[in-house]
Amino acid sequence: MTKKLGDKGENIALNYLLKKKYTVLEKNYRARRCEVDIIAQKKEMIIAIEVKTRNSDFLVEPWEAVNKLKQKKIITVMDVFLKKNNLNKNVRFDIISIIKQEKGYNIEHIKNAFYPTA
């Protein structure tokens, strides 16, 4: 995947979230040499969103790229974000999977895609 395709996917995800009445708090939030693509809020829930974009000829689903190590990094970044902003709110971890097709993009929003574990 190219950076250009990844950036396009993040912009598609942002527009999708705004249409769904999410408030976007941060984009490409970095902490401890890791990053969360989008941090959003809906009602009282803070949502960490990892965006994965692929071409239609890719062999695996985009969301499959969010392995345990990537999940751990996202959880770590969100812990920093909550502490830095003095937030005591529930966090949900979502993945937005985008596949570029001949005519447009297919968007799949996977809510509660993973959970923090001890």
PDB file of N, CA and C in Angstrom:
ATOM      1  N   MET A   1       0.838  -1.184   0.000  1.00  0.00           N
ATOM      2  CA  MET A   1       0.000   0.000   0.000  1.00  0.00           C
ATOM      3  C   MET A   1       0.881   1.244   0.000  1.00  0.00           C
ATOM      4  N   THR A   2       0.471   2.218  -0.744  1.00  0.00           N
ATOM      5  CA  THR A   2       1.228   3.455  -0.797  1.00  0.00           C
ATOM      6  C   THR A   2       0.721   4.435   0.257  1.00  0.00           C
ATOM      7  N   LYS A   3       1.585   5.387   0.613  1.00  0.00           N
ATOM      8  CA  LYS A   3       1.182   6.415   1.567  1.00  0.00           C
ATOM      9  C   LYS A   3       0.001   7.208   1.005  1.00  0.00           C
ATOM     10  N   LYS A   4       0.019   7.438  -0.309  1.00  0.00           N
ATOM     11  CA  LYS A   4      -1.062   8.192  -0.952  1.00  0.00           C
ATOM     12  C   LYS A   4      -2.407   7.481  -0.754  1.00  0.00           C
ATOM     13  N   LEU A   5      -2.429   6.166  -0.950  1.00  0.00           N
ATOM     14  CA  LEU A   5      -3.666   5.403  -0.759  1.00  0.00           C
ATOM     15  C   LEU A   5      -4.079   5.421   0.703  1.00  0.00           C
ATOM     16  N   GLY A   6      -3.107   5.297   1.602  1.00  0.00           N
ATOM     17  CA  GLY A   6      -3.396   5.339   3.039  1.00  0.00           C
ATOM     18  C   GLY A   6      -3.982   6.677   3.466  1.00  0.00           C
ATOM     19  N   ASP A   7      -3.394   7.771   2.971  1.00  0.00           N
ATOM     20  CA  ASP A   7      -3.907   9.106   3.288  1.00  0.00           C
ATOM     21  C   ASP A   7      -5.323   9.288   2.741  1.00  0.00           C
ATOM     22  N   LYS A   8      -5.560   8.794   1.528  1.00  0.00           N
ATOM     23  CA  LYS A   8      -6.899   8.871   0.935  1.00  0.00           C
ATOM     24  C   LYS A   8      -7.901   8.111   1.798  1.00  0.00           C
ATOM     25  N   GLY A   9      -7.498   6.924   2.255  1.00  0.00           N
ATOM     26  CA  GLY A   9      -8.363   6.120   3.116  1.00  0.00           C
ATOM     27  C   GLY A   9      -8.697   6.832   4.423  1.00  0.00           C
ATOM     28  N   GLU A  10      -7.706   7.490   5.016  1.00  0.00           N
ATOM     29  CA  GLU A  10      -7.963   8.222   6.261  1.00  0.00           C
ATOM     30  C   GLU A  10      -8.937   9.371   6.031  1.00  0.00           C
ATOM     31  N   ASN A  11      -8.820  10.047   4.901  1.00  0.00           N
ATOM     32  CA  ASN A  11      -9.760  11.138   4.588  1.00  0.00           C
ATOM     33  C   ASN A  11     -11.170  10.602   4.351  1.00  0.00           C
ATOM     34  N   ILE A  12     -11.271   9.459   3.689  1.00  0.00           N
ATOM     35  CA  ILE A  12     -12.586   8.821   3.488  1.00  0.00           C
ATOM     36  C   ILE A  12     -13.183   8.452   4.844  1.00  0.00           C
ATOM     37  N   ALA A  13     -12.362   7.890   5.720  1.00  0.00           N
ATOM     38  CA  ALA A  13     -12.835   7.511   7.057  1.00  0.00           C
ATOM     39  C   ALA A  13     -13.285   8.730   7.855  1.00  0.00           C
ATOM     40  N   LEU A  14     -12.534   9.825   7.770  1.00  0.00           N
ATOM     41  CA  LEU A  14     -12.917  11.058   8.470  1.00  0.00           C
ATOM     42  C   LEU A  14     -14.285  11.551   8.007  1.00  0.00           C
ATOM     43  N   ASN A  15     -14.477  11.612   6.704  1.00  0.00           N
ATOM     44  CA  ASN A  15     -15.764  12.065   6.164  1.00  0.00           C
ATOM     45  C   ASN A  15     -16.896  11.137   6.579  1.00  0.00           C
ATOM     46  N   TYR A  16     -16.629   9.838   6.555  1.00  0.00           N
ATOM     47  CA  TYR A  16     -17.619   8.839   6.985  1.00  0.00           C
ATOM     48  C   TYR A  16     -18.017   9.093   8.438  1.00  0.00           C
ATOM     49  N   LEU A  17     -17.021   9.293   9.315  1.00  0.00           N
ATOM     50  CA  LEU A  17     -17.300   9.513  10.738  1.00  0.00           C
ATOM     51  C   LEU A  17     -18.087  10.803  10.967  1.00  0.00           C
ATOM     52  N   LEU A  18     -17.722  11.853  10.258  1.00  0.00           N
ATOM     53  CA  LEU A  18     -18.434  13.123  10.409  1.00  0.00           C
ATOM     54  C   LEU A  18     -19.892  12.988   9.977  1.00  0.00           C
ATOM     55  N   LYS A  19     -20.144  12.247   8.904  1.00  0.00           N
ATOM     56  CA  LYS A  19     -21.524  12.015   8.460  1.00  0.00           C
ATOM     57  C   LYS A  19     -22.320  11.218   9.483  1.00  0.00           C
ATOM     58  N   LYS A  20     -21.617  10.371  10.246  1.00  0.00           N
ATOM     59  CA  LYS A  20     -22.265   9.547  11.273  1.00  0.00           C
ATOM     60  C   LYS A  20     -22.330  10.268  12.621  1.00  0.00           C
ATOM     61  N   LYS A  21     -22.027  11.569  12.622  1.00  0.00           N
ATOM     62  CA  LYS A  21     -22.133  12.432  13.803  1.00  0.00           C
ATOM     63  C   LYS A  21     -21.098  12.143  14.894  1.00  0.00           C
ATOM     64  N   TYR A  22     -19.929  11.654  14.491  1.00  0.00           N
ATOM     65  CA  TYR A  22     -18.812  11.537  15.420  1.00  0.00           C
ATOM     66  C   TYR A  22     -18.109  12.889  15.486  1.00  0.00           C
ATOM     67  N   THR A  23     -17.545  13.211  16.629  1.00  0.00           N
ATOM     68  CA  THR A  23     -16.700  14.385  16.769  1.00  0.00           C
ATOM     69  C   THR A  23     -15.255  13.908  16.690  1.00  0.00           C
ATOM     70  N   VAL A  24     -14.512  14.415  15.742  1.00  0.00           N
ATOM     71  CA  VAL A  24     -13.115  14.015  15.594  1.00  0.00           C
ATOM     72  C   VAL A  24     -12.269  14.879  16.530  1.00  0.00           C
ATOM     73  N   LEU A  25     -11.561  14.221  17.446  1.00  0.00           N
ATOM     74  CA  LEU A  25     -10.726  14.916  18.428  1.00  0.00           C
ATOM     75  C   LEU A  25      -9.283  15.060  17.957  1.00  0.00           C
ATOM     76  N   GLU A  26      -8.766  14.027  17.321  1.00  0.00           N
ATOM     77  CA  GLU A  26      -7.379  14.023  16.864  1.00  0.00           C
ATOM     78  C   GLU A  26      -7.261  13.188  15.593  1.00  0.00           C
ATOM     79  N   LYS A  27      -6.289  13.555  14.778  1.00  0.00           N
ATOM     80  CA  LYS A  27      -5.938  12.747  13.607  1.00  0.00           C
ATOM     81  C   LYS A  27      -4.448  12.481  13.681  1.00  0.00           C
ATOM     82  N   ASN A  28      -4.051  11.244  13.457  1.00  0.00           N
ATOM     83  CA  ASN A  28      -2.648  10.837  13.524  1.00  0.00           C
ATOM     84  C   ASN A  28      -1.997  11.246  14.845  1.00  0.00           C
ATOM     85  N   TYR A  29      -2.643  10.865  15.928  1.00  0.00           N
ATOM     86  CA  TYR A  29      -2.142  11.179  17.274  1.00  0.00           C
ATOM     87  C   TYR A  29      -0.986  10.252  17.622  1.00  0.00           C
ATOM     88  N   ARG A  30       0.153  10.855  17.972  1.00  0.00           N
ATOM     89  CA  ARG A  30       1.363  10.077  18.248  1.00  0.00           C
ATOM     90  C   ARG A  30       1.742  10.164  19.725  1.00  0.00           C
ATOM     91  N   ALA A  31       2.191   9.028  20.243  1.00  0.00           N
ATOM     92  CA  ALA A  31       2.741   8.954  21.598  1.00  0.00           C
ATOM     93  C   ALA A  31       3.606   7.707  21.676  1.00  0.00           C
ATOM     94  N   ARG A  32       4.726   7.822  22.338  1.00  0.00           N
ATOM     95  CA  ARG A  32       5.635   6.687  22.529  1.00  0.00           C
ATOM     96  C   ARG A  32       5.959   5.966  21.223  1.00  0.00           C
ATOM     97  N   ARG A  33       6.241   6.762  20.194  1.00  0.00           N
ATOM     98  CA  ARG A  33       6.632   6.247  18.876  1.00  0.00           C
ATOM     99  C   ARG A  33       5.564   5.357  18.224  1.00  0.00           C
ATOM    100  N   CYS A  34       4.325   5.554  18.618  1.00  0.00           N
ATOM    101  CA  CYS A  34       3.191   4.833  18.030  1.00  0.00           C
ATOM    102  C   CYS A  34       2.139   5.866  17.641  1.00  0.00           C
ATOM    103  N   GLU A  35       1.141   5.413  16.886  1.00  0.00           N
ATOM    104  CA  GLU A  35       0.137   6.345  16.382  1.00  0.00           C
ATOM    105  C   GLU A  35      -1.244   5.705  16.337  1.00  0.00           C
ATOM    106  N   VAL A  36      -2.250   6.541  16.582  1.00  0.00           N
ATOM    107  CA  VAL A  36      -3.646   6.171  16.343  1.00  0.00           C
ATOM    108  C   VAL A  36      -4.114   7.057  15.199  1.00  0.00           C
ATOM    109  N   ASP A  37      -4.709   6.450  14.176  1.00  0.00           N
ATOM    110  CA  ASP A  37      -5.109   7.213  12.994  1.00  0.00           C
ATOM    111  C   ASP A  37      -6.122   8.302  13.327  1.00  0.00           C
ATOM    112  N   ILE A  38      -7.184   7.924  14.043  1.00  0.00           N
ATOM    113  CA  ILE A  38      -8.240   8.889  14.378  1.00  0.00           C
ATOM    114  C   ILE A  38      -8.709   8.624  15.809  1.00  0.00           C
ATOM    115  N   ILE A  39      -8.839   9.691  16.577  1.00  0.00           N
ATOM    116  CA  ILE A  39      -9.483   9.603  17.890  1.00  0.00           C
ATOM    117  C   ILE A  39     -10.750  10.438  17.778  1.00  0.00           C
ATOM    118  N   ALA A  40     -11.864   9.808  18.059  1.00  0.00           N
ATOM    119  CA  ALA A  40     -13.160  10.477  17.912  1.00  0.00           C
ATOM    120  C   ALA A  40     -13.970  10.301  19.192  1.00  0.00           C
ATOM    121  N   GLN A  41     -15.081  11.007  19.235  1.00  0.00           N
ATOM    122  CA  GLN A  41     -15.995  10.876  20.367  1.00  0.00           C
ATOM    123  C   GLN A  41     -17.423  10.828  19.835  1.00  0.00           C
ATOM    124  N   LYS A  42     -18.227   9.984  20.457  1.00  0.00           N
ATOM    125  CA  LYS A  42     -19.654   9.944  20.173  1.00  0.00           C
ATOM    126  C   LYS A  42     -20.341   9.782  21.518  1.00  0.00           C
ATOM    127  N   LYS A  43     -21.138  10.773  21.855  1.00  0.00           N
ATOM    128  CA  LYS A  43     -21.745  10.870  23.184  1.00  0.00           C
ATOM    129  C   LYS A  43     -20.623  10.851  24.217  1.00  0.00           C
ATOM    130  N   GLU A  44     -20.641   9.933  25.164  1.00  0.00           N
ATOM    131  CA  GLU A  44     -19.610   9.905  26.210  1.00  0.00           C
ATOM    132  C   GLU A  44     -18.479   8.924  25.911  1.00  0.00           C
ATOM    133  N   MET A  45     -18.490   8.300  24.745  1.00  0.00           N
ATOM    134  CA  MET A  45     -17.506   7.275  24.399  1.00  0.00           C
ATOM    135  C   MET A  45     -16.378   7.887  23.571  1.00  0.00           C
ATOM    136  N   ILE A  46     -15.130   7.581  23.961  1.00  0.00           N
ATOM    137  CA  ILE A  46     -13.958   7.943  23.170  1.00  0.00           C
ATOM    138  C   ILE A  46     -13.640   6.727  22.297  1.00  0.00           C
ATOM    139  N   ILE A  47     -13.382   6.966  21.020  1.00  0.00           N
ATOM    140  CA  ILE A  47     -13.144   5.852  20.100  1.00  0.00           C
ATOM    141  C   ILE A  47     -11.787   6.033  19.420  1.00  0.00           C
ATOM    142  N   ALA A  48     -10.953   4.998  19.544  1.00  0.00           N
ATOM    143  CA  ALA A  48      -9.684   4.939  18.824  1.00  0.00           C
ATOM    144  C   ALA A  48      -9.966   4.180  17.535  1.00  0.00           C
ATOM    145  N   ILE A  49      -9.624   4.776  16.407  1.00  0.00           N
ATOM    146  CA  ILE A  49      -9.960   4.175  15.125  1.00  0.00           C
ATOM    147  C   ILE A  49      -8.695   3.969  14.299  1.00  0.00           C
ATOM    148  N   GLU A  50      -8.461   2.729  13.948  1.00  0.00           N
ATOM    149  CA  GLU A  50      -7.368   2.377  13.044  1.00  0.00           C
ATOM    150  C   GLU A  50      -7.970   2.224  11.656  1.00  0.00           C
ATOM    151  N   VAL A  51      -7.393   2.916  10.677  1.00  0.00           N
ATOM    152  CA  VAL A  51      -7.899   2.874   9.311  1.00  0.00           C
ATOM    153  C   VAL A  51      -6.933   2.033   8.474  1.00  0.00           C
ATOM    154  N   LYS A  52      -7.480   1.055   7.777  1.00  0.00           N
ATOM    155  CA  LYS A  52      -6.684   0.213   6.889  1.00  0.00           C
ATOM    156  C   LYS A  52      -7.298   0.267   5.499  1.00  0.00           C
ATOM    157  N   THR A  53      -6.496   0.643   4.525  1.00  0.00           N
ATOM    158  CA  THR A  53      -6.964   0.792   3.148  1.00  0.00           C
ATOM    159  C   THR A  53      -6.148  -0.116   2.234  1.00  0.00           C
ATOM    160  N   ARG A  54      -6.832  -0.791   1.337  1.00  0.00           N
ATOM    161  CA  ARG A  54      -6.166  -1.697   0.392  1.00  0.00           C
ATOM    162  C   ARG A  54      -6.812  -1.563  -0.984  1.00  0.00           C
ATOM    163  N   ASN A  55      -6.071  -1.987  -1.992  1.00  0.00           N
ATOM    164  CA  ASN A  55      -6.630  -2.115  -3.332  1.00  0.00           C
ATOM    165  C   ASN A  55      -7.490  -3.373  -3.377  1.00  0.00           C
ATOM    166  N   SER A  56      -8.400  -3.446  -4.335  1.00  0.00           N
ATOM    167  CA  SER A  56      -9.325  -4.579  -4.412  1.00  0.00           C
ATOM    168  C   SER A  56      -8.625  -5.899  -4.704  1.00  0.00           C
ATOM    169  N   ASP A  57      -7.432  -5.855  -5.286  1.00  0.00           N
ATOM    170  CA  ASP A  57      -6.747  -7.100  -5.624  1.00  0.00           C
ATOM    171  C   ASP A  57      -5.886  -7.648  -4.483  1.00  0.00           C
ATOM    172  N   PHE A  58      -5.966  -7.036  -3.321  1.00  0.00           N
ATOM    173  CA  PHE A  58      -5.192  -7.500  -2.167  1.00  0.00           C
ATOM    174  C   PHE A  58      -5.779  -8.817  -1.666  1.00  0.00           C
ATOM    175  N   LEU A  59      -4.932  -9.709  -1.199  1.00  0.00           N
ATOM    176  CA  LEU A  59      -5.382 -11.062  -0.852  1.00  0.00           C
ATOM    177  C   LEU A  59      -6.093 -11.183   0.488  1.00  0.00           C
ATOM    178  N   VAL A  60      -5.774 -10.327   1.448  1.00  0.00           N
ATOM    179  CA  VAL A  60      -6.404 -10.419   2.773  1.00  0.00           C
ATOM    180  C   VAL A  60      -7.216  -9.161   3.045  1.00  0.00           C
ATOM    181  N   GLU A  61      -8.146  -9.285   3.951  1.00  0.00           N
ATOM    182  CA  GLU A  61      -8.967  -8.133   4.334  1.00  0.00           C
ATOM    183  C   GLU A  61      -8.098  -7.095   5.039  1.00  0.00           C
ATOM    184  N   PRO A  62      -8.358  -5.808   4.842  1.00  0.00           N
ATOM    185  CA  PRO A  62      -7.532  -4.773   5.478  1.00  0.00           C
ATOM    186  C   PRO A  62      -7.471  -4.896   7.007  1.00  0.00           C
ATOM    187  N   TRP A  63      -8.593  -5.206   7.635  1.00  0.00           N
ATOM    188  CA  TRP A  63      -8.622  -5.276   9.098  1.00  0.00           C
ATOM    189  C   TRP A  63      -7.703  -6.359   9.657  1.00  0.00           C
ATOM    190  N   GLU A  64      -7.361  -7.342   8.834  1.00  0.00           N
ATOM    191  CA  GLU A  64      -6.483  -8.419   9.301  1.00  0.00           C
ATOM    192  C   GLU A  64      -5.064  -7.924   9.595  1.00  0.00           C
ATOM    193  N   ALA A  65      -4.725  -6.736   9.117  1.00  0.00           N
ATOM    194  CA  ALA A  65      -3.402  -6.166   9.377  1.00  0.00           C
ATOM    195  C   ALA A  65      -3.267  -5.612  10.791  1.00  0.00           C
ATOM    196  N   VAL A  66      -4.369  -5.520  11.511  1.00  0.00           N
ATOM    197  CA  VAL A  66      -4.326  -5.000  12.886  1.00  0.00           C
ATOM    198  C   VAL A  66      -4.112  -6.191  13.824  1.00  0.00           C
ATOM    199  N   ASN A  67      -2.855  -6.619  13.902  1.00  0.00           N
ATOM    200  CA  ASN A  67      -2.505  -7.783  14.715  1.00  0.00           C
ATOM    201  C   ASN A  67      -2.382  -7.410  16.195  1.00  0.00           C
ATOM    202  N   LYS A  68      -2.038  -8.378  17.018  1.00  0.00           N
ATOM    203  CA  LYS A  68      -1.950  -8.159  18.472  1.00  0.00           C
ATOM    204  C   LYS A  68      -0.935  -7.078  18.832  1.00  0.00           C
ATOM    205  N   LEU A  69       0.208  -7.053  18.138  1.00  0.00           N
ATOM    206  CA  LEU A  69       1.210  -6.030  18.423  1.00  0.00           C
ATOM    207  C   LEU A  69       0.673  -4.639  18.102  1.00  0.00           C
ATOM    208  N   LYS A  70       0.010  -4.483  16.964  1.00  0.00           N
ATOM    209  CA  LYS A  70      -0.575  -3.194  16.587  1.00  0.00           C
ATOM    210  C   LYS A  70      -1.657  -2.792  17.592  1.00  0.00           C
ATOM    211  N   GLN A  71      -2.463  -3.751  18.021  1.00  0.00           N
ATOM    212  CA  GLN A  71      -3.495  -3.473  19.018  1.00  0.00           C
ATOM    213  C   GLN A  71      -2.872  -2.959  20.313  1.00  0.00           C
ATOM    214  N   LYS A  72      -1.802  -3.600  20.747  1.00  0.00           N
ATOM    215  CA  LYS A  72      -1.122  -3.199  21.985  1.00  0.00           C
ATOM    216  C   LYS A  72      -0.602  -1.767  21.871  1.00  0.00           C
ATOM    217  N   LYS A  73      -0.056  -1.419  20.711  1.00  0.00           N
ATOM    218  CA  LYS A  73       0.449  -0.069  20.490  1.00  0.00           C
ATOM    219  C   LYS A  73      -0.684   0.961  20.544  1.00  0.00           C
ATOM    220  N   ILE A  74      -1.796   0.636  19.924  1.00  0.00           N
ATOM    221  CA  ILE A  74      -2.954   1.543  19.926  1.00  0.00           C
ATOM    222  C   ILE A  74      -3.463   1.748  21.355  1.00  0.00           C
ATOM    223  N   ILE A  75      -3.529   0.682  22.120  1.00  0.00           N
ATOM    224  CA  ILE A  75      -3.987   0.759  23.510  1.00  0.00           C
ATOM    225  C   ILE A  75      -3.038   1.643  24.325  1.00  0.00           C
ATOM    226  N   THR A  76      -1.733   1.491  24.103  1.00  0.00           N
ATOM    227  CA  THR A  76      -0.741   2.315  24.803  1.00  0.00           C
ATOM    228  C   THR A  76      -0.919   3.785  24.470  1.00  0.00           C
ATOM    229  N   VAL A  77      -1.107   4.102  23.199  1.00  0.00           N
ATOM    230  CA  VAL A  77      -1.302   5.494  22.784  1.00  0.00           C
ATOM    231  C   VAL A  77      -2.562   6.067  23.429  1.00  0.00           C
ATOM    232  N   MET A  78      -3.613   5.287  23.471  1.00  0.00           N
ATOM    233  CA  MET A  78      -4.860   5.779  24.058  1.00  0.00           C
ATOM    234  C   MET A  78      -4.717   6.016  25.557  1.00  0.00           C
ATOM    235  N   ASP A  79      -3.929   5.207  26.232  1.00  0.00           N
ATOM    236  CA  ASP A  79      -3.677   5.414  27.655  1.00  0.00           C
ATOM    237  C   ASP A  79      -2.989   6.766  27.863  1.00  0.00           C
ATOM    238  N   VAL A  80      -2.012   7.067  27.020  1.00  0.00           N
ATOM    239  CA  VAL A  80      -1.320   8.358  27.088  1.00  0.00           C
ATOM    240  C   VAL A  80      -2.303   9.494  26.802  1.00  0.00           C
ATOM    241  N   PHE A  81      -3.117   9.345  25.764  1.00  0.00           N
ATOM    242  CA  PHE A  81      -4.078  10.383  25.386  1.00  0.00           C
ATOM    243  C   PHE A  81      -5.045  10.692  26.540  1.00  0.00           C
ATOM    244  N   LEU A  82      -5.583   9.647  27.162  1.00  0.00           N
ATOM    245  CA  LEU A  82      -6.539   9.845  28.259  1.00  0.00           C
ATOM    246  C   LEU A  82      -5.890  10.555  29.437  1.00  0.00           C
ATOM    247  N   LYS A  83      -4.685  10.124  29.803  1.00  0.00           N
ATOM    248  CA  LYS A  83      -3.988  10.734  30.941  1.00  0.00           C
ATOM    249  C   LYS A  83      -3.611  12.182  30.639  1.00  0.00           C
ATOM    250  N   LYS A  84      -3.089  12.434  29.449  1.00  0.00           N
ATOM    251  CA  LYS A  84      -2.666  13.780  29.063  1.00  0.00           C
ATOM    252  C   LYS A  84      -3.845  14.757  29.082  1.00  0.00           C
ATOM    253  N   ASN A  85      -5.015  14.276  28.680  1.00  0.00           N
ATOM    254  CA  ASN A  85      -6.205  15.130  28.601  1.00  0.00           C
ATOM    255  C   ASN A  85      -7.104  15.009  29.835  1.00  0.00           C
ATOM    256  N   ASN A  86      -6.602  14.299  30.844  1.00  0.00           N
ATOM    257  CA  ASN A  86      -7.336  14.130  32.099  1.00  0.00           C
ATOM    258  C   ASN A  86      -8.773  13.661  31.871  1.00  0.00           C
ATOM    259  N   LEU A  87      -8.903  12.631  31.028  1.00  0.00           N
ATOM    260  CA  LEU A  87     -10.218  12.088  30.687  1.00  0.00           C
ATOM    261  C   LEU A  87     -10.440  10.768  31.412  1.00  0.00           C
ATOM    262  N   ASN A  88     -11.584  10.644  32.003  1.00  0.00           N
ATOM    263  CA  ASN A  88     -11.971   9.393  32.651  1.00  0.00           C
ATOM    264  C   ASN A  88     -13.226   8.888  31.936  1.00  0.00           C
ATOM    265  N   LYS A  89     -13.015   8.409  30.713  1.00  0.00           N
ATOM    266  CA  LYS A  89     -14.137   7.953  29.879  1.00  0.00           C
ATOM    267  C   LYS A  89     -13.851   6.558  29.354  1.00  0.00           C
ATOM    268  N   ASN A  90     -14.908   5.886  28.960  1.00  0.00           N
ATOM    269  CA  ASN A  90     -14.740   4.579  28.334  1.00  0.00           C
ATOM    270  C   ASN A  90     -14.169   4.751  26.940  1.00  0.00           C
ATOM    271  N   VAL A  91     -13.348   3.777  26.543  1.00  0.00           N
ATOM    272  CA  VAL A  91     -12.733   3.809  25.223  1.00  0.00           C
ATOM    273  C   VAL A  91     -13.157   2.572  24.437  1.00  0.00           C
ATOM    274  N   ARG A  92     -13.482   2.801  23.188  1.00  0.00           N
ATOM    275  CA  ARG A  92     -13.807   1.710  22.277  1.00  0.00           C
ATOM    276  C   ARG A  92     -12.744   1.689  21.188  1.00  0.00           C
ATOM    277  N   PHE A  93     -12.402   0.495  20.727  1.00  0.00           N
ATOM    278  CA  PHE A  93     -11.373   0.346  19.708  1.00  0.00           C
ATOM    279  C   PHE A  93     -12.019  -0.190  18.429  1.00  0.00           C
ATOM    280  N   ASP A  94     -12.026   0.651  17.394  1.00  0.00           N
ATOM    281  CA  ASP A  94     -12.661   0.320  16.119  1.00  0.00           C
ATOM    282  C   ASP A  94     -11.625   0.224  15.006  1.00  0.00           C
ATOM    283  N   ILE A  95     -12.021  -0.451  13.942  1.00  0.00           N
ATOM    284  CA  ILE A  95     -11.233  -0.473  12.718  1.00  0.00           C
ATOM    285  C   ILE A  95     -12.152  -0.063  11.575  1.00  0.00           C
ATOM    286  N   ILE A  96     -11.676   0.833  10.754  1.00  0.00           N
ATOM    287  CA  ILE A  96     -12.384   1.139   9.510  1.00  0.00           C
ATOM    288  C   ILE A  96     -11.548   0.548   8.386  1.00  0.00           C
ATOM    289  N   SER A  97     -12.153  -0.400   7.708  1.00  0.00           N
ATOM    290  CA  SER A  97     -11.515  -1.148   6.630  1.00  0.00           C
ATOM    291  C   SER A  97     -12.044  -0.606   5.304  1.00  0.00           C
ATOM    292  N   ILE A  98     -11.127  -0.158   4.454  1.00  0.00           N
ATOM    293  CA  ILE A  98     -11.524   0.455   3.184  1.00  0.00           C
ATOM    294  C   ILE A  98     -10.861  -0.295   2.030  1.00  0.00           C
ATOM    295  N   ILE A  99     -11.663  -0.689   1.064  1.00  0.00           N
ATOM    296  CA  ILE A  99     -11.137  -1.363  -0.117  1.00  0.00           C
ATOM    297  C   ILE A  99     -11.458  -0.507  -1.338  1.00  0.00           C
ATOM    298  N   LYS A 100     -10.392  -0.121  -2.051  1.00  0.00           N
ATOM    299  CA  LYS A 100     -10.551   0.658  -3.281  1.00  0.00           C
ATOM    300  C   LYS A 100     -11.059  -0.276  -4.369  1.00  0.00           C
ATOM    301  N   GLN A 101     -12.166   0.118  -4.977  1.00  0.00           N
ATOM    302  CA  GLN A 101     -12.737  -0.682  -6.053  1.00  0.00           C
ATOM    303  C   GLN A 101     -12.742   0.128  -7.345  1.00  0.00           C
ATOM    304  N   GLU A 102     -13.182  -0.505  -8.411  1.00  0.00           N
ATOM    305  CA  GLU A 102     -13.204   0.180  -9.702  1.00  0.00           C
ATOM    306  C   GLU A 102     -13.938   1.508  -9.636  1.00  0.00           C
ATOM    307  N   LYS A 103     -15.103   1.477  -9.013  1.00  0.00           N
ATOM    308  CA  LYS A 103     -15.922   2.687  -8.918  1.00  0.00           C
ATOM    309  C   LYS A 103     -16.130   3.050  -7.454  1.00  0.00           C
ATOM    310  N   GLY A 104     -15.125   3.637  -6.839  1.00  0.00           N
ATOM    311  CA  GLY A 104     -15.270   4.100  -5.476  1.00  0.00           C
ATOM    312  C   GLY A 104     -14.585   3.214  -4.450  1.00  0.00           C
ATOM    313  N   TYR A 105     -15.111   3.271  -3.241  1.00  0.00           N
ATOM    314  CA  TYR A 105     -14.508   2.576  -2.116  1.00  0.00           C
ATOM    315  C   TYR A 105     -15.580   1.839  -1.324  1.00  0.00           C
ATOM    316  N   ASN A 106     -15.231   0.672  -0.806  1.00  0.00           N
ATOM    317  CA  ASN A 106     -16.106  -0.073   0.089  1.00  0.00           C
ATOM    318  C   ASN A 106     -15.616   0.166   1.512  1.00  0.00           C
ATOM    319  N   ILE A 107     -16.491   0.660   2.366  1.00  0.00           N
ATOM    320  CA  ILE A 107     -16.129   0.991   3.744  1.00  0.00           C
ATOM    321  C   ILE A 107     -16.814   0.013   4.692  1.00  0.00           C
ATOM    322  N   GLU A 108     -16.028  -0.578   5.586  1.00  0.00           N
ATOM    323  CA  GLU A 108     -16.575  -1.439   6.635  1.00  0.00           C
ATOM    324  C   GLU A 108     -16.091  -0.895   7.972  1.00  0.00           C
ATOM    325  N   HIS A 109     -17.041  -0.508   8.827  1.00  0.00           N
ATOM    326  CA  HIS A 109     -16.715   0.022  10.151  1.00  0.00           C
ATOM    327  C   HIS A 109     -16.939  -1.098  11.166  1.00  0.00           C
ATOM    328  N   ILE A 110     -15.854  -1.570  11.753  1.00  0.00           N
ATOM    329  CA  ILE A 110     -15.927  -2.657  12.731  1.00  0.00           C
ATOM    330  C   ILE A 110     -15.813  -2.037  14.119  1.00  0.00           C
ATOM    331  N   LYS A 111     -16.946  -1.942  14.796  1.00  0.00           N
ATOM    332  CA  LYS A 111     -16.975  -1.389  16.152  1.00  0.00           C
ATOM    333  C   LYS A 111     -16.546  -2.469  17.137  1.00  0.00           C
ATOM    334  N   ASN A 112     -15.868  -2.037  18.205  1.00  0.00           N
ATOM    335  CA  ASN A 112     -15.358  -2.986  19.212  1.00  0.00           C
ATOM    336  C   ASN A 112     -14.526  -4.084  18.539  1.00  0.00           C
ATOM    337  N   ALA A 113     -13.637  -3.690  17.653  1.00  0.00           N
ATOM    338  CA  ALA A 113     -12.826  -4.655  16.896  1.00  0.00           C
ATOM    339  C   ALA A 113     -11.883  -5.450  17.793  1.00  0.00           C
ATOM    340  N   PHE A 114     -11.455  -4.825  18.884  1.00  0.00           N
ATOM    341  CA  PHE A 114     -10.621  -5.523  19.871  1.00  0.00           C
ATOM    342  C   PHE A 114     -10.774  -4.822  21.205  1.00  0.00           C
ATOM    343  N   TYR A 115     -10.298  -5.491  22.236  1.00  0.00           N
ATOM    344  CA  TYR A 115     -10.435  -5.004  23.607  1.00  0.00           C
ATOM    345  C   TYR A 115      -9.065  -5.017  24.287  1.00  0.00           C
ATOM    346  N   PRO A 116      -8.834  -4.083  25.210  1.00  0.00           N
ATOM    347  CA  PRO A 116      -7.574  -4.133  25.965  1.00  0.00           C
ATOM    348  C   PRO A 116      -7.563  -5.372  26.853  1.00  0.00           C
ATOM    349  N   THR A 117      -6.426  -6.023  26.898  1.00  0.00           N
ATOM    350  CA  THR A 117      -6.283  -7.193  27.762  1.00  0.00           C
ATOM    351  C   THR A 117      -5.114  -6.982  28.695  1.00  0.00           C
ATOM    352  N   ALA A 118      -5.130  -7.698  29.776  1.00  0.00           N
ATOM    353  CA  ALA A 118      -4.065  -7.555  30.784  1.00  0.00           C
ATOM    354  C   ALA A 118      -2.785  -8.188  30.327  1.00  0.00           C
TER     355      ALA A 118
END
